[in-house]
C-alpha atoms as a PDB file:
ATOM      1  CA  MET A   1       0.142   0.452   0.058  1.00  0.00           C
ATOM      2  CA  LEU A   2       2.854   2.393   0.964  1.00  0.00           C
ATOM      3  CA  LEU A   3       4.411   1.904  -2.700  1.00  0.00           C
ATOM      4  CA  LEU A   4       1.252   2.326  -4.367  1.00  0.00           C
ATOM      5  CA  SER A   5       0.679   5.518  -2.933  1.00  0.00           C
ATOM      6  CA  LEU A   6       4.395   6.740  -3.245  1.00  0.00           C
ATOM      7  CA  LEU A   7       3.842   5.691  -6.912  1.00  0.00           C
ATOM      8  CA  VAL A   8       0.382   8.167  -6.730  1.00  0.00           C
ATOM      9  CA  ALA A   9       2.622  10.639  -5.630  1.00  0.00           C
ATOM     10  CA  CYS A  10       4.924  10.654  -7.793  1.00  0.00           C
ATOM     11  CA  VAL A  11       2.646  10.774 -10.424  1.00  0.00           C
ATOM     12  CA  VAL A  12       0.980  13.518  -9.132  1.00  0.00           C
ATOM     13  CA  PHE A  13       3.736  15.982  -8.992  1.00  0.00           C
ATOM     14  CA  VAL A  14       4.896  14.827 -12.625  1.00  0.00           C
ATOM     15  CA  ILE A  15       1.875  16.223 -13.482  1.00  0.00           C
ATOM     16  CA  ALA A  16       2.808  18.877 -11.759  1.00  0.00           C
ATOM     17  CA  VAL A  17       5.505  20.020 -12.685  1.00  0.00           C
ATOM     18  CA  SER A  18       4.897  19.109 -16.600  1.00  0.00           C
ATOM     19  CA  GLY A  19       1.892  21.453 -16.532  1.00  0.00           C
ATOM     20  CA  CYS A  20       3.307  24.955 -14.696  1.00  0.00           C
ATOM     21  CA  ALA A  21       6.729  23.563 -17.153  1.00  0.00           C
ATOM     22  CA  ALA A  22       4.101  24.256 -20.581  1.00  0.00           C
ATOM     23  CA  ARG A  23       1.923  26.901 -18.879  1.00  0.00           C
ATOM     24  CA  VAL A  24       5.059  28.588 -19.047  1.00  0.00           C
ATOM     25  CA  ALA A  25       6.535  27.376 -22.623  1.00  0.00           C
ATOM     26  CA  LEU A  26       4.131  28.270 -23.910  1.00  0.00           C
ATOM     27  CA  SER A  27       2.218  31.854 -22.743  1.00  0.00           C
ATOM     28  CA  ASN A  28       6.017  33.248 -21.040  1.00  0.00           C
ATOM     29  CA  SER A  29       7.091  36.261 -23.988  1.00  0.00           C
ATOM     30  CA  ASP A  30      10.793  36.208 -22.041  1.00  0.00           C
ATOM     31  CA  LYS A  31      12.821  33.446 -24.834  1.00  0.00           C
ATOM     32  CA  GLN A  32      15.303  32.336 -21.727  1.00  0.00           C
ATOM     33  CA  ARG A  33      12.487  31.355 -19.603  1.00  0.00           C
ATOM     34  CA  ARG A  34      10.237  30.098 -22.134  1.00  0.00           C
ATOM     35  CA  ALA A  35      13.628  27.916 -23.233  1.00  0.00           C
ATOM     36  CA  ASP A  36      13.891  26.977 -19.472  1.00  0.00           C
ATOM     37  CA  ALA A  37      10.435  26.194 -19.490  1.00  0.00           C
ATOM     38  CA  VAL A  38      10.950  23.815 -22.960  1.00  0.00           C
ATOM     39  CA  LYS A  39      14.560  22.270 -20.615  1.00  0.00           C
ATOM     40  CA  VAL A  40      12.110  21.045 -17.268  1.00  0.00           C
ATOM     41  CA  LEU A  41       9.548  19.647 -19.257  1.00  0.00           C
ATOM     42  CA  LYS A  42      12.360  17.179 -21.247  1.00  0.00           C
ATOM     43  CA  LEU A  43      14.295  16.652 -18.430  1.00  0.00           C
ATOM     44  CA  VAL A  44      10.489  15.565 -16.983  1.00  0.00           C
ATOM     45  CA  TRP A  45       9.320  13.115 -19.250  1.00  0.00           C
ATOM     46  CA  GLY A  46      13.320  12.358 -20.557  1.00  0.00           C
ATOM     47  CA  THR A  47      13.663  10.507 -16.868  1.00  0.00           C
ATOM     48  CA  THR A  48      10.641   9.228 -16.379  1.00  0.00           C
ATOM     49  CA  GLY A  49      10.185   7.663 -20.044  1.00  0.00           C
ATOM     50  CA  LEU A  50      13.728   6.246 -18.850  1.00  0.00           C
ATOM     51  CA  ALA A  51      12.659   4.808 -15.879  1.00  0.00           C
ATOM     52  CA  GLY A  52       9.061   3.741 -17.639  1.00  0.00           C
ATOM     53  CA  LEU A  53      11.525   1.665 -19.749  1.00  0.00           C
ATOM     54  CA  VAL A  54      13.944   0.319 -17.329  1.00  0.00           C
ATOM     55  CA  LEU A  55      11.200  -0.903 -15.651  1.00  0.00           C
ATOM     56  CA  ALA A  56       9.048  -2.627 -18.588  1.00  0.00           C
ATOM     57  CA  VAL A  57      12.371  -4.714 -19.386  1.00  0.00           C
ATOM     58  CA  VAL A  58      12.704  -5.917 -16.128  1.00  0.00           C
ATOM     59  CA  LYS A  59       9.146  -6.568 -15.463  1.00  0.00           C
ATOM     60  CA  LEU A  60      10.044  -9.016 -19.231  1.00  0.00           C
ATOM     61  CA  HIS A  61      13.209 -10.416 -17.527  1.00  0.00           C
ATOM     62  CA  GLU A  62      11.323 -11.178 -14.124  1.00  0.00           C
ATOM     63  CA  SER A  63       8.708 -12.769 -17.076  1.00  0.00           C
ATOM     64  CA  GLY A  64      11.579 -14.503 -18.583  1.00  0.00           C
ATOM     65  CA  VAL A  65      11.313 -13.165 -21.716  1.00  0.00           C
ATOM     66  CA  PHE A  66      15.045 -11.461 -21.429  1.00  0.00           C
END
């Protein structure tokens, strides 16, 4: 149950950070702030995607596929 709560908290955090960064990237008139917001989006979704890929490979390994 604790692991599920931690997972939910991480998902909520990723959604909140992504939403804030997307809002800044889309609506801010300062070029540097928009560029920084895009960097944050790349970082958040890159690490999230990498973690998902690692989790999928581990699960496939545990099930005997790899």
